[in-house]
Amino acid sequence: MSAQTNRAGPGNRQRLASSAGLEAAGPACPRLVIEEVGVCVGRDGVEARAVLGAGPLRFRGIASGRSGAPGQSVWELSAAAAVAALQQYLQHYGASQPAPEIRLVDLATATTGIGQPVIHATLKLAHGSFEAYLLGSALVRNDWCSTAVAAVLDGTSRSLGRLARPEPEEIRRRERGDPIGRRVLALNLVDPAASNFRPSGCRSAHDILRFAHEKSIEVMFTVSDVVIEQSPHRARALVTPVPVNISVVDLGGGLALENPDSREVRPEHIVSRPWRALWRGISHPGVSWTREMPASLSDLASVMVRSFTPEGGGMRGLGERSYLLVAAEYMNLNSRLAYHFSLVDACVSDNPAHNYISFRFAGGGATRYRRNLRACFIEACLAHYGFVVDRRGDLVNAWFKKAPAEETEAKLDILGRLMACSGQLDMYMTSQETMRWYVRQFLEGNYSFMVPEEQKPSQA
């Protein structure tokens, strides 16, 4: 391997505030595995989390730092989060107390002879007078954060496997003596399609919350259908040149109609303050709603397969209506545009404490890799404009809260432009380089992504 190109050792690493928690998980698994790696980017800070699974347990670690801090990268935070999760693992499985301690000593990158980047992790395991340095490494493929966690886990996999485990009877005593963990934290309802996913299957408070959340999502997608069936005069079709199929429901003060009995509304009839700001972005003259599809047969086949494959019990089907609920200072839009789902819930008033934007985006018609790249595109754009963003795969959640009305409206305008630009964009996301090119174009105001052919990114 060549010389190290980037080092983040104890001499120049920003101190990371780490914490970790423990929760029950799914079926037993004897190995310590990576369950989840995620990053939440906010206006003032960055938070990385790592979830490691061991048997029926999950060990969650969190590490936080300041946005843009010198000598700190997001994948370093992910490695620190993995170490925090490992410490919880040691506290649970250590046969003697106090439990062994583990900490991250050094994290560095190198490059192989063929140009493949590698992450090296050095950890220190201490237990009483015993100390050992553990070395781990992992090849970087697509996700640096997950690779950093894998490097940490690689360094500990051989050593932690030799830790003394409690005897089964001791484990049973712990479970009997931990009614809170059994009745509050344990999660038994994992799969919504399983036969036990019903009220009688709830065994803990965590189960009740999980069941209620899943069913509330299903209701959210069907409540507007019920409104139309039971009160057909309340829901009105939005008539606009923009190719969207939206039914509008007035919650009070959201519409200003010349004919109250009209079954159709135009954008100018909707006086909801947050919607008008969002609509300015959606209908921005620089946004193009027509885009040539890439000539890749595999991409088109992926779209066809996903069109006939259910994504989950609560998800609306393709081609169904989108719904907009409006009031004078409130709006809720849940829509199915093309092959993705988006949700916007917002309030704009003269009281900044009441103002917020909540946004969710998921799905797509291309492969999972390309859908994830589009989610990275959305994450980067929203974070640039001050949203707090949490991305997991192709699912993006974002928030903007407690800002003056004018600033909140400006963020809704940007969000509308981003929603309009993101349609079918996953079909073009062939690489990280391509994704970053689209981010630059959006931030520069090129919402149609029209540039000379020689300036377009490589689609290889």
Protein backbone atom coordinates (compact mmCIF):
# COMPACT_ATOMS: atom_id res chain seq x y z
CA MET A 1 0.00 0.00 0.00
CA SER A 2 1.05 3.56 -0.57
CA ALA A 3 1.61 6.21 2.09
CA GLN A 4 -1.38 7.35 4.13
CA THR A 5 -3.17 10.31 2.61
CA ASN A 6 -5.41 11.35 5.46
CA ARG A 7 -4.90 10.80 9.19
CA ALA A 8 -7.15 11.58 12.10
CA GLY A 9 -5.24 10.54 15.20
CA PRO A 10 -5.49 11.71 18.79
CA GLY A 11 -3.22 14.66 18.09
CA ASN A 12 -5.52 16.41 15.64
CA ARG A 13 -8.90 14.85 16.22
CA GLN A 14 -11.66 17.05 17.56
CA ARG A 15 -13.05 15.60 20.75
CA LEU A 16 -16.23 13.69 19.99
CA ALA A 17 -19.15 13.65 22.39
CA SER A 18 -20.24 9.99 22.37
CA SER A 19 -23.14 8.23 23.98
CA ALA A 20 -24.85 4.92 23.44
CA GLY A 21 -28.05 3.08 24.26
CA LEU A 22 -29.32 -0.50 24.29
CA GLU A 23 -32.58 -1.89 22.99
CA ALA A 24 -33.96 -5.34 22.30
CA ALA A 25 -34.04 -6.44 18.68
CA GLY A 26 -35.11 -9.24 16.41
CA PRO A 27 -34.22 -12.95 16.25
CA ALA A 28 -31.06 -14.29 17.85
CA CYS A 29 -27.81 -14.05 15.87
CA PRO A 30 -24.50 -15.24 17.37
CA ARG A 31 -22.27 -12.76 15.51
CA LEU A 32 -21.71 -9.06 16.10
CA VAL A 33 -22.90 -7.44 12.87
CA ILE A 34 -23.58 -3.96 11.52
CA GLU A 35 -27.32 -3.27 11.62
CA GLU A 36 -27.42 0.41 10.68
CA VAL A 37 -25.16 3.38 9.99
CA GLY A 38 -26.65 6.85 9.62
CA VAL A 39 -25.72 10.50 9.69
CA CYS A 40 -27.89 13.49 10.61
CA VAL A 41 -26.59 16.85 9.36
CA GLY A 42 -27.97 19.98 11.01
CA ARG A 43 -27.31 23.68 10.81
CA ASP A 44 -24.92 23.70 13.75
CA GLY A 45 -23.80 20.11 14.14
CA VAL A 46 -23.40 16.62 12.74
CA GLU A 47 -24.51 13.43 14.47
CA ALA A 48 -23.48 9.94 13.43
CA ARG A 49 -25.06 6.76 14.74
CA ALA A 50 -24.12 3.10 14.47
CA VAL A 51 -26.25 0.13 15.48
CA LEU A 52 -24.54 -3.23 16.02
CA GLY A 53 -26.47 -6.47 16.47
CA ALA A 54 -25.43 -9.38 18.68
CA GLY A 55 -27.90 -12.16 19.31
CA PRO A 56 -31.29 -10.72 20.30
CA LEU A 57 -29.81 -7.34 21.18
CA ARG A 58 -28.89 -4.15 19.40
CA PHE A 59 -26.20 -1.81 20.67
CA ARG A 60 -26.55 1.79 19.56
CA GLY A 61 -23.73 4.34 19.56
CA ILE A 62 -23.90 8.05 18.81
CA ALA A 63 -21.11 10.54 18.15
CA SER A 64 -21.60 14.24 17.49
CA GLY A 65 -19.44 17.11 16.32
CA ARG A 66 -19.63 20.58 14.84
CA SER A 67 -20.43 21.09 11.18
CA GLY A 68 -17.36 22.00 9.17
CA ALA A 69 -14.98 21.50 12.10
CA PRO A 70 -11.34 21.31 10.93
CA GLY A 71 -9.72 17.87 11.03
CA GLN A 72 -13.09 16.11 11.29
CA SER A 73 -15.07 14.17 8.69
CA VAL A 74 -18.41 12.42 8.89
CA TRP A 75 -16.91 8.95 8.53
CA GLU A 76 -14.68 9.62 11.55
CA LEU A 77 -17.82 10.37 13.57
CA SER A 78 -19.30 7.08 12.34
CA ALA A 79 -16.24 5.21 13.60
CA ALA A 80 -16.56 6.94 16.99
CA ALA A 81 -20.24 5.96 17.11
CA ALA A 82 -19.28 2.33 16.42
CA VAL A 83 -16.83 2.41 19.34
CA ALA A 84 -19.58 3.76 21.62
CA ALA A 85 -21.82 0.86 20.54
CA LEU A 86 -18.98 -1.60 21.18
CA GLN A 87 -18.61 -0.24 24.71
CA GLN A 88 -22.25 -1.08 25.35
CA TYR A 89 -21.59 -4.55 23.99
CA LEU A 90 -18.71 -4.99 26.44
CA GLN A 91 -20.79 -3.77 29.38
CA HIS A 92 -23.53 -6.27 28.58
CA TYR A 93 -21.43 -9.36 27.80
CA GLY A 94 -18.46 -8.82 30.10
CA ALA A 95 -18.43 -11.62 32.66
CA SER A 96 -16.68 -9.45 35.27
CA GLN A 97 -17.20 -5.90 36.45
CA PRO A 98 -16.06 -3.31 35.71
CA ALA A 99 -16.39 -4.15 32.02
CA PRO A 100 -13.45 -3.80 29.62
CA GLU A 101 -13.02 -0.37 28.06
CA ILE A 102 -12.45 0.29 24.40
CA ARG A 103 -11.51 3.55 22.69
CA LEU A 104 -10.52 4.74 19.23
CA VAL A 105 -6.81 5.63 19.10
CA ASP A 106 -6.26 6.36 15.44
CA LEU A 107 -8.13 6.40 12.15
CA ALA A 108 -6.34 6.74 8.83
CA THR A 109 -6.76 6.18 5.09
CA ALA A 110 -4.39 4.58 2.62
CA THR A 111 -4.51 3.60 -1.03
CA THR A 112 -3.83 0.18 -2.52
CA GLY A 113 -1.64 -0.33 -5.54
CA ILE A 114 -4.68 -0.23 -7.82
CA GLY A 115 -5.99 3.01 -6.34
CA GLN A 116 -8.56 1.48 -3.97
CA PRO A 117 -8.92 3.55 -0.76
CA VAL A 118 -8.71 1.72 2.56
CA ILE A 119 -9.64 2.82 6.08
CA HIS A 120 -7.43 1.63 8.95
CA ALA A 121 -8.64 1.75 12.55
CA THR A 122 -6.51 1.40 15.68
CA LEU A 123 -8.30 0.72 18.97
CA LYS A 124 -7.17 0.17 22.53
CA LEU A 125 -8.85 -2.48 24.68
CA ALA A 126 -8.15 -2.20 28.43
CA HIS A 127 -9.33 -4.39 31.30
CA GLY A 128 -7.65 -3.80 34.64
CA SER A 129 -3.91 -4.09 34.09
CA PHE A 130 -4.39 -5.74 30.71
CA GLU A 131 -4.08 -3.59 27.58
CA ALA A 132 -4.15 -4.52 23.89
CA TYR A 133 -4.08 -2.58 20.66
CA LEU A 134 -6.44 -3.83 17.97
CA LEU A 135 -5.98 -3.15 14.26
CA GLY A 136 -8.74 -3.30 11.68
CA SER A 137 -9.18 -2.27 8.06
CA ALA A 138 -11.83 -2.22 5.34
CA LEU A 139 -11.87 -1.36 1.63
CA VAL A 140 -13.90 1.71 0.74
CA ARG A 141 -16.56 0.95 -1.85
CA ASN A 142 -19.50 3.37 -1.95
CA ASP A 143 -20.15 4.47 1.63
CA TRP A 144 -17.24 5.83 3.69
CA CYS A 145 -19.30 5.92 6.89
CA SER A 146 -20.24 2.24 6.72
CA THR A 147 -16.65 1.37 5.77
CA ALA A 148 -15.31 3.19 8.83
CA VAL A 149 -17.66 1.20 11.06
CA ALA A 150 -16.59 -2.02 9.29
CA ALA A 151 -12.92 -1.18 9.95
CA VAL A 152 -13.63 -0.73 13.66
CA LEU A 153 -15.57 -3.99 13.77
CA ASP A 154 -12.80 -5.79 11.88
CA GLY A 155 -10.30 -4.74 14.52
CA THR A 156 -12.40 -6.12 17.37
CA SER A 157 -14.01 -9.21 15.84
CA ARG A 158 -11.23 -11.60 16.81
CA SER A 159 -10.61 -10.20 20.29
CA LEU A 160 -14.19 -9.72 21.42
CA GLY A 161 -15.04 -13.26 20.39
CA ARG A 162 -12.80 -14.50 23.22
CA LEU A 163 -14.57 -12.52 25.95
CA ALA A 164 -16.19 -14.64 28.62
CA ARG A 165 -19.92 -14.90 28.15
CA PRO A 166 -22.42 -15.16 31.03
CA GLU A 167 -23.85 -18.60 31.54
CA PRO A 168 -27.43 -19.15 30.30
CA GLU A 169 -28.74 -19.24 33.86
CA GLU A 170 -27.12 -15.86 34.55
CA ILE A 171 -28.74 -14.45 31.44
CA ARG A 172 -32.12 -15.74 32.60
CA ARG A 173 -31.58 -14.14 36.01
CA ARG A 174 -30.82 -10.81 34.32
CA GLU A 175 -33.98 -11.04 32.25
CA ARG A 176 -36.10 -11.92 35.28
CA GLY A 177 -34.53 -9.06 37.22
CA ASP A 178 -35.08 -6.53 34.40
CA PRO A 179 -38.86 -6.06 34.11
CA ILE A 180 -38.34 -2.63 32.53
CA GLY A 181 -36.34 -4.08 29.66
CA ARG A 182 -38.88 -6.89 29.18
CA ARG A 183 -42.04 -4.80 29.46
CA VAL A 184 -40.85 -1.48 28.01
CA LEU A 185 -37.85 -1.81 25.71
CA ALA A 186 -38.26 -5.25 24.13
CA LEU A 187 -39.44 -5.19 20.48
CA ASN A 188 -41.28 -8.32 19.34
CA LEU A 189 -43.33 -6.87 16.46
CA VAL A 190 -40.71 -6.51 13.76
CA ASP A 191 -42.43 -7.50 10.49
CA PRO A 192 -45.77 -5.79 9.61
CA ALA A 193 -46.60 -8.75 7.36
CA ALA A 194 -46.16 -11.33 10.16
CA SER A 195 -49.15 -13.12 11.63
CA ASN A 196 -48.43 -11.76 15.13
CA PHE A 197 -48.51 -8.13 13.97
CA ARG A 198 -51.80 -7.37 15.74
CA PRO A 199 -52.87 -5.84 19.08
CA SER A 200 -52.82 -9.24 20.79
CA GLY A 201 -49.18 -9.64 19.74
CA CYS A 202 -48.00 -6.64 21.75
CA ARG A 203 -45.82 -7.71 24.67
CA SER A 204 -44.18 -4.40 25.59
CA ALA A 205 -44.62 -0.64 25.38
CA HIS A 206 -42.19 -0.68 22.46
CA ASP A 207 -44.50 -3.12 20.65
CA ILE A 208 -47.49 -0.83 21.23
CA LEU A 209 -45.63 2.17 19.82
CA ARG A 210 -44.43 0.15 16.82
CA PHE A 211 -47.92 -1.16 16.07
CA ALA A 212 -49.56 2.26 16.49
CA HIS A 213 -46.97 3.92 14.26
CA GLU A 214 -47.42 1.37 11.45
CA LYS A 215 -51.21 1.60 11.53
CA SER A 216 -51.17 5.40 11.68
CA ILE A 217 -49.09 5.44 8.50
CA GLU A 218 -51.70 3.26 6.80
CA VAL A 219 -54.50 5.52 7.98
CA MET A 220 -52.65 8.60 6.73
CA PHE A 221 -52.80 7.24 3.20
CA THR A 222 -56.48 6.28 3.34
CA VAL A 223 -58.09 9.12 5.33
CA SER A 224 -58.34 11.37 2.30
CA ASP A 225 -60.03 8.59 0.31
CA VAL A 226 -62.64 8.34 3.06
CA VAL A 227 -63.18 12.10 2.93
CA ILE A 228 -63.92 11.89 -0.78
CA GLU A 229 -66.33 8.98 -0.38
CA GLN A 230 -68.26 10.44 2.54
CA SER A 231 -68.12 14.13 1.63
CA PRO A 232 -67.57 14.45 -2.12
CA HIS A 233 -68.16 18.21 -2.18
CA ARG A 234 -65.26 18.98 0.13
CA ALA A 235 -62.48 17.55 -2.03
CA ARG A 236 -61.68 19.55 -5.16
CA ALA A 237 -59.34 18.82 -8.04
CA LEU A 238 -56.41 21.19 -8.54
CA VAL A 239 -56.36 22.49 -12.14
CA THR A 240 -52.87 23.55 -13.21
CA PRO A 241 -50.52 23.23 -16.19
CA VAL A 242 -48.08 21.43 -13.90
CA PRO A 243 -48.55 17.66 -14.36
CA VAL A 244 -49.74 16.82 -10.84
CA ASN A 245 -52.92 15.03 -9.77
CA ILE A 246 -53.85 16.69 -6.48
CA SER A 247 -57.14 16.75 -4.59
CA VAL A 248 -57.53 19.72 -2.25
CA VAL A 249 -59.38 19.63 1.07
CA ASP A 250 -60.03 22.91 2.87
CA LEU A 251 -59.65 22.63 6.64
CA GLY A 252 -60.86 26.21 7.08
CA GLY A 253 -59.51 29.43 5.65
CA GLY A 254 -57.35 27.71 3.05
CA LEU A 255 -59.43 28.49 -0.05
CA ALA A 256 -60.95 31.66 -1.49
CA LEU A 257 -63.49 30.48 -4.10
CA GLU A 258 -65.82 32.58 -6.21
CA ASN A 259 -68.15 29.57 -6.42
CA PRO A 260 -68.22 27.61 -3.15
CA ASP A 261 -69.81 24.63 -4.95
CA SER A 262 -67.05 24.34 -7.53
CA ARG A 263 -65.40 20.94 -7.75
CA GLU A 264 -62.21 22.46 -9.15
CA VAL A 265 -59.71 24.96 -7.81
CA ARG A 266 -56.82 26.80 -9.38
CA PRO A 267 -53.56 27.68 -7.61
CA GLU A 268 -54.65 31.30 -7.17
CA HIS A 269 -57.73 30.11 -5.22
CA ILE A 270 -55.53 28.53 -2.52
CA VAL A 271 -54.65 31.22 0.02
CA SER A 272 -52.89 28.95 2.50
CA ARG A 273 -49.69 30.77 3.40
CA PRO A 274 -47.29 27.79 3.44
CA TRP A 275 -48.80 26.30 0.27
CA ARG A 276 -48.39 29.52 -1.68
CA ALA A 277 -44.69 29.55 -0.75
CA LEU A 278 -44.25 25.89 -1.71
CA TRP A 279 -46.15 26.42 -4.97
CA ARG A 280 -43.85 29.27 -5.96
CA GLY A 281 -41.04 26.75 -5.97
CA ILE A 282 -42.98 23.95 -7.66
CA SER A 283 -44.10 26.30 -10.46
CA HIS A 284 -40.76 28.11 -10.74
CA PRO A 285 -40.19 29.05 -14.42
CA GLY A 286 -36.72 27.51 -14.36
CA VAL A 287 -38.01 24.06 -13.38
CA SER A 288 -38.53 21.60 -16.22
CA TRP A 289 -41.23 18.96 -15.81
CA THR A 290 -40.20 17.11 -18.97
CA ARG A 291 -36.99 15.13 -19.06
CA GLU A 292 -35.74 12.58 -21.57
CA MET A 293 -35.41 9.12 -20.09
CA PRO A 294 -31.96 7.52 -20.20
CA ALA A 295 -31.61 4.90 -22.91
CA SER A 296 -30.67 2.11 -20.49
CA LEU A 297 -32.78 -1.01 -20.89
CA SER A 298 -31.89 -2.15 -17.37
CA ASP A 299 -33.23 1.08 -15.87
CA LEU A 300 -36.50 0.79 -17.78
CA ALA A 301 -36.83 -2.85 -16.71
CA SER A 302 -36.27 -1.78 -13.10
CA VAL A 303 -39.14 0.70 -13.36
CA MET A 304 -41.46 -1.92 -14.83
CA VAL A 305 -40.63 -4.43 -12.11
CA ARG A 306 -41.17 -1.89 -9.32
CA SER A 307 -44.48 -0.83 -10.87
CA PHE A 308 -45.86 -4.30 -10.15
CA THR A 309 -44.06 -4.91 -6.86
CA PRO A 310 -45.76 -3.73 -3.63
CA GLU A 311 -43.52 -1.57 -1.43
CA GLY A 312 -45.47 -2.09 1.76
CA GLY A 313 -48.97 -2.33 3.13
CA GLY A 314 -49.40 1.39 3.74
CA MET A 315 -47.85 2.82 0.58
CA ARG A 316 -50.13 4.29 -2.06
CA GLY A 317 -50.04 2.72 -5.51
CA LEU A 318 -48.56 4.41 -8.56
CA GLY A 319 -50.89 6.75 -10.40
CA GLU A 320 -53.19 7.34 -7.42
CA ARG A 321 -54.13 10.81 -6.30
CA SER A 322 -52.10 13.11 -4.15
CA TYR A 323 -53.85 14.99 -1.37
CA LEU A 324 -53.43 18.53 -0.11
CA LEU A 325 -54.99 19.68 3.17
CA VAL A 326 -54.91 23.44 3.64
CA ALA A 327 -55.79 26.04 6.24
CA ALA A 328 -54.87 29.70 6.44
CA GLU A 329 -51.49 29.03 8.07
CA TYR A 330 -51.13 25.26 7.62
CA MET A 331 -50.71 22.71 4.84
CA ASN A 332 -50.20 18.95 4.54
CA LEU A 333 -49.31 17.44 1.17
CA ASN A 334 -48.82 13.71 0.68
CA SER A 335 -48.15 12.92 -2.94
CA ARG A 336 -47.10 10.15 -5.24
CA LEU A 337 -45.30 11.80 -8.14
CA ALA A 338 -43.89 9.43 -10.74
CA TYR A 339 -42.40 6.55 -8.71
CA HIS A 340 -41.60 8.26 -5.43
CA PHE A 341 -43.54 9.43 -2.40
CA SER A 342 -43.17 12.80 -0.73
CA LEU A 343 -44.79 14.40 2.30
CA VAL A 344 -44.72 18.06 3.30
CA ASP A 345 -46.25 19.25 6.57
CA ALA A 346 -45.77 22.95 7.31
CA CYS A 347 -47.05 25.90 9.30
CA VAL A 348 -46.28 29.57 8.60
CA SER A 349 -47.51 32.32 10.93
CA ASP A 350 -46.33 35.59 12.42
CA ASN A 351 -45.14 33.71 15.51
CA PRO A 352 -41.74 32.12 14.76
CA ALA A 353 -42.17 29.59 17.57
CA HIS A 354 -45.10 28.04 15.67
CA ASN A 355 -43.38 27.86 12.29
CA TYR A 356 -41.97 24.59 10.98
CA ILE A 357 -41.43 22.47 7.88
CA SER A 358 -41.40 18.68 7.99
CA PHE A 359 -40.45 16.85 4.79
CA ARG A 360 -40.20 13.19 3.84
CA PHE A 361 -39.09 11.66 0.55
CA ALA A 362 -38.81 7.96 -0.35
CA GLY A 363 -38.82 5.53 -3.23
CA GLY A 364 -38.12 5.76 -6.94
CA GLY A 365 -38.22 3.72 -10.12
CA ALA A 366 -34.53 2.89 -10.59
CA THR A 367 -32.28 0.45 -8.79
CA ARG A 368 -31.67 0.78 -5.06
CA TYR A 369 -28.18 2.18 -5.62
CA ARG A 370 -29.51 4.96 -7.85
CA ARG A 371 -32.42 5.70 -5.52
CA ASN A 372 -29.94 6.07 -2.68
CA LEU A 373 -27.84 8.46 -4.78
CA ARG A 374 -30.89 10.62 -5.46
CA ALA A 375 -31.58 10.65 -1.72
CA CYS A 376 -27.97 11.82 -1.21
CA PHE A 377 -28.64 14.59 -3.74
CA ILE A 378 -31.72 15.73 -1.81
CA GLU A 379 -29.87 15.47 1.51
CA ALA A 380 -26.98 17.62 0.29
CA CYS A 381 -29.25 20.31 -1.16
CA LEU A 382 -31.46 20.57 1.93
CA ALA A 383 -28.49 20.62 4.31
CA HIS A 384 -26.98 23.47 2.26
CA TYR A 385 -30.11 25.54 2.87
CA GLY A 386 -30.16 24.96 6.62
CA PHE A 387 -32.49 21.98 7.02
CA VAL A 388 -31.79 19.31 9.60
CA VAL A 389 -31.58 16.15 7.49
CA ASP A 390 -31.70 12.45 8.33
CA ARG A 391 -31.17 9.99 5.46
CA ARG A 392 -31.49 6.22 5.60
CA GLY A 393 -31.06 4.56 2.22
CA ASP A 394 -33.53 6.16 -0.19
CA LEU A 395 -35.59 7.63 2.69
CA VAL A 396 -34.97 11.30 3.53
CA ASN A 397 -36.47 13.14 6.50
CA ALA A 398 -35.83 16.86 6.93
CA TRP A 399 -36.94 19.60 9.30
CA PHE A 400 -36.76 23.38 9.54
CA LYS A 401 -38.20 24.96 12.69
CA LYS A 402 -38.87 28.17 14.59
CA ALA A 403 -37.80 30.73 12.01
CA PRO A 404 -39.53 33.99 11.01
CA ALA A 405 -42.33 33.71 8.47
CA GLU A 406 -40.33 35.21 5.60
CA GLU A 407 -37.44 32.80 6.15
CA THR A 408 -39.77 29.80 6.45
CA GLU A 409 -41.52 30.79 3.23
CA ALA A 410 -38.16 31.08 1.46
CA LYS A 411 -37.26 27.55 2.59
CA LEU A 412 -40.61 26.25 1.31
CA ASP A 413 -39.89 27.92 -2.03
CA ILE A 414 -36.55 26.10 -2.24
CA LEU A 415 -38.18 22.84 -1.15
CA GLY A 416 -40.76 23.18 -3.92
CA ARG A 417 -38.03 23.64 -6.52
CA LEU A 418 -36.18 20.62 -5.17
CA MET A 419 -39.31 18.44 -5.24
CA ALA A 420 -39.99 19.45 -8.84
CA CYS A 421 -36.38 18.81 -9.91
CA SER A 422 -36.13 15.42 -8.23
CA GLY A 423 -38.73 13.64 -10.36
CA GLN A 424 -37.19 10.68 -12.24
CA LEU A 425 -33.74 11.97 -11.34
CA ASP A 426 -32.78 8.60 -9.88
CA MET A 427 -32.63 7.26 -13.44
CA TYR A 428 -29.61 9.49 -14.06
CA MET A 429 -27.74 8.82 -10.82
CA THR A 430 -25.03 6.50 -12.10
CA SER A 431 -22.22 7.45 -9.71
CA GLN A 432 -21.17 9.65 -6.81
CA GLU A 433 -19.60 12.03 -9.33
CA THR A 434 -22.89 12.36 -11.19
CA MET A 435 -24.77 12.99 -7.96
CA ARG A 436 -22.35 15.74 -6.93
CA TRP A 437 -22.70 17.34 -10.39
CA TYR A 438 -26.48 17.56 -9.97
CA VAL A 439 -26.03 19.06 -6.51
CA ARG A 440 -23.79 21.79 -7.93
CA GLN A 441 -26.24 22.54 -10.73
CA PHE A 442 -29.16 22.88 -8.31
CA LEU A 443 -27.25 25.14 -5.94
CA GLU A 444 -26.26 27.32 -8.90
CA GLY A 445 -29.92 27.70 -9.92
CA ASN A 446 -29.82 25.43 -12.98
CA TYR A 447 -33.07 23.66 -12.11
CA SER A 448 -33.57 22.18 -15.60
CA PHE A 449 -30.03 20.69 -15.58
CA MET A 450 -29.57 21.84 -19.17
CA VAL A 451 -25.89 22.33 -20.06
CA PRO A 452 -23.72 21.77 -23.13
CA GLU A 453 -23.09 18.08 -23.78
CA GLU A 454 -19.35 18.39 -23.13
CA GLN A 455 -20.01 19.71 -19.60
CA LYS A 456 -22.27 16.87 -18.50
CA PRO A 457 -20.85 14.30 -16.06
CA SER A 458 -19.80 10.90 -17.29
CA GLN A 459 -22.62 8.32 -17.20
CA ALA A 460 -20.22 5.39 -17.10
